[in-house]
């Protein structure tokens, strides 16, 4: 033990030993103090780093929440657009059917004549009147609204057909009902 009784006198060697031990303790305290200061600085740096990472994490978390909301909004908008596209597709199909019906209705007074020889500067109305005479159908020029030859077919050597629109469906039907006479 370093401490002795006060009553006993200390020797020179004891004092020297005590000073040496005190010097060691003092150096150890100085070393520990600098190590403690170094540890304190490292802890301070770690806290700053942890604070920075925590702030970065919060920023990323906020951005992720915003992106999640944006994705959900876009998904909802996408669903709405898909529904609209589906409705428009259905409406387009209905419109196409309606347009086809209108076109068919508009052609109800028309007939197509095939196999009539093509001549330079021909009058298709005259050709049709001649064909109707062969069918024993009384047809005048006033019964024909308009007639013309279609563009020639590029793939075949057939004569281009003649399309005629008649002024009434009765005239058209009377010609159409006699078509079997052309085949005989």
C-alpha atoms as a PDB file:
ATOM      1  CA  UNK A   1       0.000   0.000   0.000  1.00  0.00           C
ATOM      2  CA  UNK A   2       1.184   3.434  -0.827  1.00  0.00           C
ATOM      3  CA  UNK A   3      -0.211   5.174   2.141  1.00  0.00           C
ATOM      4  CA  UNK A   4       1.464   4.611   5.435  1.00  0.00           C
ATOM      5  CA  UNK A   5       0.652   5.652   8.793  1.00  0.00           C
ATOM      6  CA  UNK A   6       1.406   9.267   9.601  1.00  0.00           C
ATOM      7  CA  UNK A   7       3.124   8.288  12.720  1.00  0.00           C
ATOM      8  CA  UNK A   8       5.745   6.326  10.890  1.00  0.00           C
ATOM      9  CA  UNK A   9       8.328   8.397   9.082  1.00  0.00           C
ATOM     10  CA  UNK A  10       8.574   7.900   5.338  1.00  0.00           C
ATOM     11  CA  UNK A  11      11.864   6.945   3.847  1.00  0.00           C
ATOM     12  CA  UNK A  12      13.484   8.523   0.845  1.00  0.00           C
ATOM     13  CA  UNK A  13      12.841   5.428  -1.225  1.00  0.00           C
ATOM     14  CA  UNK A  14       9.196   5.392  -0.251  1.00  0.00           C
ATOM     15  CA  UNK A  15       8.741   8.988  -1.319  1.00  0.00           C
ATOM     16  CA  UNK A  16      10.541   8.330  -4.576  1.00  0.00           C
ATOM     17  CA  UNK A  17       8.293   5.325  -5.251  1.00  0.00           C
ATOM     18  CA  UNK A  18       5.254   7.368  -4.383  1.00  0.00           C
ATOM     19  CA  UNK A  19       6.313  10.143  -6.813  1.00  0.00           C
ATOM     20  CA  UNK A  20       7.026   7.623  -9.535  1.00  0.00           C
ATOM     21  CA  UNK A  21       3.631   6.073  -9.057  1.00  0.00           C
ATOM     22  CA  UNK A  22       1.999   9.514  -8.978  1.00  0.00           C
ATOM     23  CA  UNK A  23       3.887  10.421 -12.157  1.00  0.00           C
ATOM     24  CA  UNK A  24       2.628   7.221 -13.831  1.00  0.00           C
ATOM     25  CA  UNK A  25      -0.898   7.961 -12.692  1.00  0.00           C
ATOM     26  CA  UNK A  26      -0.588  11.544 -13.931  1.00  0.00           C
ATOM     27  CA  UNK A  27       0.694  10.390 -17.335  1.00  0.00           C
ATOM     28  CA  UNK A  28      -2.028   7.784 -17.482  1.00  0.00           C
ATOM     29  CA  UNK A  29      -4.615  10.470 -16.667  1.00  0.00           C
ATOM     30  CA  UNK A  30      -3.183  12.719 -19.397  1.00  0.00           C
ATOM     31  CA  UNK A  31      -3.272   9.813 -21.887  1.00  0.00           C
ATOM     32  CA  UNK A  32      -6.799   8.936 -20.792  1.00  0.00           C
ATOM     33  CA  UNK A  33      -7.806  12.576 -21.021  1.00  0.00           C
ATOM     34  CA  UNK A  34      -6.538  12.857 -24.616  1.00  0.00           C
ATOM     35  CA  UNK A  35      -8.141   9.491 -25.460  1.00  0.00           C
ATOM     36  CA  UNK A  36     -11.339  10.721 -23.851  1.00  0.00           C
ATOM     37  CA  UNK A  37     -11.198  13.940 -25.886  1.00  0.00           C
ATOM     38  CA  UNK A  38     -10.585  11.886 -29.025  1.00  0.00           C
ATOM     39  CA  UNK A  39     -13.501   9.582 -28.198  1.00  0.00           C
ATOM     40  CA  UNK A  40     -15.689  12.586 -27.465  1.00  0.00           C
ATOM     41  CA  UNK A  41     -14.793  14.047 -30.900  1.00  0.00           C
ATOM     42  CA  UNK A  42     -15.493  10.712 -32.598  1.00  0.00           C
ATOM     43  CA  UNK A  43     -18.860  10.476 -30.839  1.00  0.00           C
ATOM     44  CA  UNK A  44     -19.640  14.039 -31.975  1.00  0.00           C
ATOM     45  CA  UNK A  45     -18.770  13.095 -35.570  1.00  0.00           C
ATOM     46  CA  UNK A  46     -20.888   9.935 -35.331  1.00  0.00           C
ATOM     47  CA  UNK A  47     -23.825  11.969 -34.072  1.00  0.00           C
ATOM     48  CA  UNK A  48     -23.456  14.402 -36.996  1.00  0.00           C
ATOM     49  CA  UNK A  49     -23.280  11.494 -39.427  1.00  0.00           C
ATOM     50  CA  UNK A  50     -26.278   9.827 -37.814  1.00  0.00           C
ATOM     51  CA  UNK A  51     -28.208  13.123 -37.975  1.00  0.00           C
ATOM     52  CA  UNK A  52     -27.331  13.520 -41.679  1.00  0.00           C
ATOM     53  CA  UNK A  53     -28.413   9.952 -42.442  1.00  0.00           C
ATOM     54  CA  UNK A  54     -31.610  10.463 -40.484  1.00  0.00           C
ATOM     55  CA  UNK A  55     -32.415  13.617 -42.483  1.00  0.00           C
ATOM     56  CA  UNK A  56     -31.639  11.819 -45.743  1.00  0.00           C
ATOM     57  CA  UNK A  57     -33.865   8.924 -44.685  1.00  0.00           C
ATOM     58  CA  UNK A  58     -36.730  11.309 -43.928  1.00  0.00           C
ATOM     59  CA  UNK A  59     -36.294  12.995 -47.337  1.00  0.00           C
ATOM     60  CA  UNK A  60     -36.319   9.633 -49.117  1.00  0.00           C
ATOM     61  CA  UNK A  61     -39.309   8.524 -47.075  1.00  0.00           C
ATOM     62  CA  UNK A  62     -41.182  11.716 -47.989  1.00  0.00           C
ATOM     63  CA  UNK A  63     -40.351  11.339 -51.692  1.00  0.00           C
ATOM     64  CA  UNK A  64     -41.418   7.691 -51.626  1.00  0.00           C
ATOM     65  CA  UNK A  65     -44.755   8.595 -50.065  1.00  0.00           C
ATOM     66  CA  UNK A  66     -45.244  11.287 -52.716  1.00  0.00           C
ATOM     67  CA  UNK A  67     -44.336   8.824 -55.487  1.00  0.00           C
ATOM     68  CA  UNK A  68     -46.737   6.227 -54.044  1.00  0.00           C
ATOM     69  CA  UNK A  69     -49.520   8.812 -54.113  1.00  0.00           C
ATOM     70  CA  UNK A  70     -48.566   9.788 -57.674  1.00  0.00           C
ATOM     71  CA  UNK A  71     -48.598   6.120 -58.773  1.00  0.00           C
ATOM     72  CA  UNK A  72     -52.027   5.607 -57.221  1.00  0.00           C
ATOM     73  CA  UNK A  73     -53.335   8.746 -58.957  1.00  0.00           C
ATOM     74  CA  UNK A  74     -51.904   7.574 -62.284  1.00  0.00           C
ATOM     75  CA  UNK A  75     -53.421   4.123 -61.807  1.00  0.00           C
ATOM     76  CA  UNK A  76     -56.830   5.679 -61.148  1.00  0.00           C
ATOM     77  CA  UNK A  77     -56.450   7.921 -64.201  1.00  0.00           C
ATOM     78  CA  UNK A  78     -55.375   4.905 -66.271  1.00  0.00           C
ATOM     79  CA  UNK A  79     -58.475   2.985 -65.177  1.00  0.00           C
ATOM     80  CA  UNK A  80     -60.670   5.948 -66.148  1.00  0.00           C
ATOM     81  CA  UNK A  81     -58.958   6.268 -69.520  1.00  0.00           C
ATOM     82  CA  UNK A  82     -59.349   2.535 -70.178  1.00  0.00           C
ATOM     83  CA  UNK A  83     -63.057   2.824 -69.415  1.00  0.00           C
ATOM     84  CA  UNK A  84     -63.341   5.802 -71.753  1.00  0.00           C
ATOM     85  CA  UNK A  85     -61.460   3.957 -74.504  1.00  0.00           C
ATOM     86  CA  UNK A  86     -63.751   0.967 -74.081  1.00  0.00           C
ATOM     87  CA  UNK A  87     -66.836   3.187 -74.239  1.00  0.00           C
ATOM     88  CA  UNK A  88     -65.473   5.034 -77.268  1.00  0.00           C
ATOM     89  CA  UNK A  89     -64.656   1.726 -78.960  1.00  0.00           C
ATOM     90  CA  UNK A  90     -68.211   0.522 -78.393  1.00  0.00           C
ATOM     91  CA  UNK A  91     -69.554   3.853 -79.594  1.00  0.00           C
ATOM     92  CA  UNK A  92     -67.293   3.685 -82.660  1.00  0.00           C
ATOM     93  CA  UNK A  93     -68.599   0.209 -83.503  1.00  0.00           C
ATOM     94  CA  UNK A  94     -72.159   1.421 -83.148  1.00  0.00           C
ATOM     95  CA  UNK A  95     -71.388   4.452 -85.323  1.00  0.00           C
ATOM     96  CA  UNK A  96     -69.799   2.225 -87.977  1.00  0.00           C
ATOM     97  CA  UNK A  97     -72.877  -0.001 -87.994  1.00  0.00           C
ATOM     98  CA  UNK A  98     -75.143   3.027 -88.217  1.00  0.00           C
ATOM     99  CA  UNK A  99     -73.055   4.511 -91.037  1.00  0.00           C
ATOM    100  CA  UNK A 100     -73.117   1.199 -92.903  1.00  0.00           C
ATOM    101  CA  UNK A 101     -76.895   1.065 -92.501  1.00  0.00           C
ATOM    102  CA  UNK A 102     -77.161   4.623 -93.828  1.00  0.00           C
ATOM    103  CA  UNK A 103     -74.942   3.799 -96.791  1.00  0.00           C
ATOM    104  CA  UNK A 104     -77.002   0.700 -97.530  1.00  0.00           C
ATOM    105  CA  UNK A 105     -80.160   2.742 -97.250  1.00  0.00           C
ATOM    106  CA  UNK A 106     -78.706   5.334 -99.625  1.00  0.00           C
ATOM    107  CA  UNK A 107     -77.951   2.612-102.185  1.00  0.00           C
ATOM    108  CA  UNK A 108     -81.418   1.095-102.201  1.00  0.00           C
ATOM    109  CA  UNK A 109     -82.252   2.761-105.523  1.00  0.00           C
ATOM    110  CA  UNK A 110     -78.983   1.618-107.162  1.00  0.00           C
ATOM    111  CA  UNK A 111     -78.125  -1.347-109.381  1.00  0.00           C
ATOM    112  CA  UNK A 112     -74.819  -2.566-110.752  1.00  0.00           C
ATOM    113  CA  UNK A 113     -74.688  -3.787-114.354  1.00  0.00           C
ATOM    114  CA  UNK A 114     -71.785  -6.034-115.303  1.00  0.00           C
ATOM    115  CA  UNK A 115     -70.622  -7.423-118.606  1.00  0.00           C
ATOM    116  CA  UNK A 116     -71.601  -4.438-120.782  1.00  0.00           C
ATOM    117  CA  UNK A 117     -68.980  -3.680-123.415  1.00  0.00           C
ATOM    118  CA  UNK A 118     -67.069  -0.474-122.940  1.00  0.00           C
ATOM    119  CA  UNK A 119     -66.960   2.009-125.816  1.00  0.00           C
ATOM    120  CA  UNK A 120     -65.083   5.276-126.210  1.00  0.00           C
ATOM    121  CA  UNK A 121     -67.278   8.316-125.315  1.00  0.00           C
ATOM    122  CA  UNK A 122     -70.210   6.101-124.378  1.00  0.00           C
ATOM    123  CA  UNK A 123     -73.415   7.319-122.803  1.00  0.00           C
ATOM    124  CA  UNK A 124     -74.182   4.915-119.930  1.00  0.00           C
ATOM    125  CA  UNK A 125     -77.795   6.123-119.733  1.00  0.00           C
ATOM    126  CA  UNK A 126     -78.332   5.003-123.351  1.00  0.00           C
ATOM    127  CA  UNK A 127     -76.751   1.614-122.599  1.00  0.00           C
ATOM    128  CA  UNK A 128     -79.080   1.109-119.641  1.00  0.00           C
ATOM    129  CA  UNK A 129     -82.177   2.073-121.610  1.00  0.00           C
ATOM    130  CA  UNK A 130     -81.138  -0.510-124.217  1.00  0.00           C
ATOM    131  CA  UNK A 131     -80.645  -3.218-121.576  1.00  0.00           C
ATOM    132  CA  UNK A 132     -84.031  -2.441-120.043  1.00  0.00           C
ATOM    133  CA  UNK A 133     -85.692  -2.773-123.450  1.00  0.00           C
ATOM    134  CA  UNK A 134     -84.143  -6.292-123.660  1.00  0.00           C
ATOM    135  CA  UNK A 135     -85.763  -7.016-120.274  1.00  0.00           C
ATOM    136  CA  UNK A 136     -89.152  -5.661-121.442  1.00  0.00           C
ATOM    137  CA  UNK A 137     -88.977  -2.931-118.799  1.00  0.00           C
ATOM    138  CA  UNK A 138     -90.198   0.485-119.876  1.00  0.00           C
ATOM    139  CA  UNK A 139     -87.375   2.794-118.803  1.00  0.00           C
ATOM    140  CA  UNK A 140     -86.922   6.396-119.835  1.00  0.00           C
ATOM    141  CA  UNK A 141     -83.999   8.752-119.332  1.00  0.00           C
ATOM    142  CA  UNK A 142     -85.963  10.557-116.623  1.00  0.00           C
ATOM    143  CA  UNK A 143     -86.083   7.331-114.568  1.00  0.00           C
ATOM    144  CA  UNK A 144     -82.276   7.322-114.260  1.00  0.00           C
ATOM    145  CA  UNK A 145     -80.932   9.699-111.639  1.00  0.00           C
ATOM    146  CA  UNK A 146     -77.285   9.153-112.482  1.00  0.00           C
ATOM    147  CA  UNK A 147     -75.155   6.428-114.029  1.00  0.00           C
ATOM    148  CA  UNK A 148     -71.446   5.950-114.599  1.00  0.00           C
ATOM    149  CA  UNK A 149     -68.892   3.291-115.263  1.00  0.00           C
ATOM    150  CA  UNK A 150     -66.631   2.206-112.404  1.00  0.00           C
ATOM    151  CA  UNK A 151     -62.865   2.362-112.716  1.00  0.00           C
ATOM    152  CA  UNK A 152     -61.497  -0.653-114.597  1.00  0.00           C
ATOM    153  CA  UNK A 153     -60.297  -3.565-112.492  1.00  0.00           C
ATOM    154  CA  UNK A 154     -56.504  -3.750-112.557  1.00  0.00           C
ATOM    155  CA  UNK A 155     -56.223  -7.496-111.923  1.00  0.00           C
ATOM    156  CA  UNK A 156     -58.720  -8.852-114.447  1.00  0.00           C
ATOM    157  CA  UNK A 157     -59.653  -8.251-118.066  1.00  0.00           C
ATOM    158  CA  UNK A 158     -63.337  -7.800-117.209  1.00  0.00           C
ATOM    159  CA  UNK A 159     -65.260  -4.836-118.497  1.00  0.00           C
ATOM    160  CA  UNK A 160     -65.824  -2.267-115.745  1.00  0.00           C
ATOM    161  CA  UNK A 161     -69.326  -2.366-114.278  1.00  0.00           C
ATOM    162  CA  UNK A 162     -71.894   0.422-114.602  1.00  0.00           C
ATOM    163  CA  UNK A 163     -73.580   1.793-111.492  1.00  0.00           C
ATOM    164  CA  UNK A 164     -77.003   3.414-111.912  1.00  0.00           C
ATOM    165  CA  UNK A 165     -79.146   5.263-109.400  1.00  0.00           C
ATOM    166  CA  UNK A 166     -82.817   5.301-110.299  1.00  0.00           C
ATOM    167  CA  UNK A 167     -85.317   7.958-109.383  1.00  0.00           C
ATOM    168  CA  UNK A 168     -87.566   5.494-107.572  1.00  0.00           C
ATOM    169  CA  UNK A 169     -87.251   2.138-105.938  1.00  0.00           C
ATOM    170  CA  UNK A 170     -90.176   0.849-108.023  1.00  0.00           C
ATOM    171  CA  UNK A 171     -88.190   1.320-111.236  1.00  0.00           C
ATOM    172  CA  UNK A 172     -85.155  -0.324-109.673  1.00  0.00           C
ATOM    173  CA  UNK A 173     -87.233  -3.275-108.423  1.00  0.00           C
ATOM    174  CA  UNK A 174     -88.916  -3.773-111.809  1.00  0.00           C
ATOM    175  CA  UNK A 175     -85.497  -4.031-113.512  1.00  0.00           C
ATOM    176  CA  UNK A 176     -84.100  -6.250-110.770  1.00  0.00           C
ATOM    177  CA  UNK A 177     -87.082  -8.639-110.950  1.00  0.00           C
ATOM    178  CA  UNK A 178     -86.430  -9.175-114.694  1.00  0.00           C
ATOM    179  CA  UNK A 179     -82.687  -9.913-114.343  1.00  0.00           C
ATOM    180  CA  UNK A 180     -83.231 -13.649-114.969  1.00  0.00           C
ATOM    181  CA  UNK A 181     -83.994 -12.819-118.627  1.00  0.00           C
ATOM    182  CA  UNK A 182     -80.368 -11.712-119.149  1.00  0.00           C
ATOM    183  CA  UNK A 183     -79.040 -15.188-118.319  1.00  0.00           C
ATOM    184  CA  UNK A 184     -81.137 -17.029-120.902  1.00  0.00           C
END
